[in-house]
Protein backbone atom coordinates (compact mmCIF):
# COMPACT_ATOMS: atom_id res chain seq x y z
CA UNK A 1 90.26 52.83 -29.38
CA UNK A 2 93.89 51.99 -28.73
CA UNK A 3 96.30 54.10 -26.61
CA UNK A 4 97.99 55.11 -29.95
CA UNK A 5 94.70 56.52 -31.47
CA UNK A 6 93.61 58.13 -28.00
CA UNK A 7 96.99 59.80 -27.88
CA UNK A 8 96.62 60.89 -31.54
CA UNK A 9 93.07 62.33 -30.83
CA UNK A 10 94.24 64.11 -27.79
CA UNK A 11 97.23 65.66 -29.70
CA UNK A 12 94.67 66.67 -32.53
CA UNK A 13 92.33 68.26 -30.02
CA UNK A 14 95.14 70.26 -28.58
CA UNK A 15 96.35 71.75 -31.77
CA UNK A 16 92.58 72.40 -33.05
CA UNK A 17 90.89 73.61 -30.19
CA UNK A 18 91.76 76.05 -27.10
CA UNK A 19 91.88 72.81 -24.74
CA UNK A 20 95.06 71.97 -23.03
CA UNK A 21 96.48 68.51 -23.44
CA UNK A 22 95.27 67.70 -20.08
CA UNK A 23 91.74 69.10 -20.64
CA UNK A 24 91.56 67.29 -24.19
CA UNK A 25 92.71 63.98 -22.42
CA UNK A 26 89.72 64.33 -19.92
CA UNK A 27 87.16 65.22 -22.64
CA UNK A 28 88.44 62.08 -24.68
CA UNK A 29 88.19 59.87 -21.45
CA UNK A 30 84.70 61.13 -21.04
CA UNK A 31 83.62 60.63 -24.63
CA UNK A 32 85.05 57.15 -24.54
CA UNK A 33 83.17 56.11 -21.45
CA UNK A 34 80.02 57.41 -22.70
CA UNK A 35 80.12 55.33 -25.89
CA UNK A 36 81.22 52.23 -23.84
CA UNK A 37 78.38 52.35 -21.52
CA UNK A 38 76.36 49.10 -21.96
CA UNK A 39 72.58 49.53 -22.34
CA UNK A 40 71.53 48.21 -18.87
CA UNK A 41 74.04 50.78 -17.15
CA UNK A 42 72.52 53.52 -19.56
CA UNK A 43 69.09 52.76 -18.25
CA UNK A 44 69.84 52.70 -14.84
CA UNK A 45 71.72 55.90 -15.02
CA UNK A 46 69.01 57.66 -16.97
CA UNK A 47 66.50 56.43 -14.53
CA UNK A 48 68.26 57.68 -11.61
CA UNK A 49 69.03 60.89 -13.29
CA UNK A 50 65.34 61.41 -14.30
CA UNK A 51 63.78 60.52 -10.97
CA UNK A 52 65.97 63.18 -9.30
CA UNK A 53 64.54 65.46 -11.73
CA UNK A 54 60.96 64.69 -10.40
CA UNK A 55 59.79 62.47 -13.61
CA UNK A 56 57.38 59.63 -12.91
CA UNK A 57 58.36 56.18 -13.85
CA UNK A 58 55.91 56.00 -16.76
CA UNK A 59 57.49 59.16 -17.93
CA UNK A 60 60.99 57.93 -17.49
CA UNK A 61 60.38 54.53 -19.26
CA UNK A 62 58.86 56.19 -22.41
CA UNK A 63 61.84 58.90 -22.42
CA UNK A 64 64.30 55.94 -22.06
CA UNK A 65 62.75 53.86 -25.00
CA UNK A 66 63.24 56.96 -27.15
CA UNK A 67 66.71 57.71 -26.08
CA UNK A 68 67.93 54.14 -26.79
CA UNK A 69 66.63 54.51 -30.28
CA UNK A 70 68.49 57.74 -30.86
CA UNK A 71 71.86 56.52 -29.41
CA UNK A 72 74.84 56.59 -31.91
CA UNK A 73 75.02 52.82 -31.54
CA UNK A 74 71.58 52.00 -30.66
CA UNK A 75 70.42 49.26 -28.70
CA UNK A 76 67.86 46.65 -29.65
CA UNK A 77 64.19 47.81 -28.92
CA UNK A 78 63.58 47.36 -25.43
CA UNK A 79 60.23 47.09 -23.78
CA UNK A 80 59.02 48.99 -20.60
CA UNK A 81 58.78 45.83 -19.02
CA UNK A 82 62.61 45.01 -19.77
CA UNK A 83 63.45 48.61 -18.75
CA UNK A 84 61.87 48.06 -15.37
CA UNK A 85 63.38 44.55 -14.94
CA UNK A 86 67.00 46.16 -15.64
CA UNK A 87 66.31 48.83 -13.10
CA UNK A 88 64.61 46.57 -10.19
CA UNK A 89 65.98 43.17 -11.08
């Protein structure tokens, strides 16, 4: 998204929500970062988050496979082995 489009979106959010321009800017930055996250970074982040919540690797790998299918811009189907290799190298 270009700076102009981001600026336009921030102004739009400021006009149509209770967010200040600074808050709208932070929301837009977070959303853009979320959608710009590559598959490997997503897998590593979700693995770390789910480990901290006490899930086993088997549960995590299954959950990540499902989450990848439901992303707005879904990644190619990835096997449990490929997920494991992205996490551990």
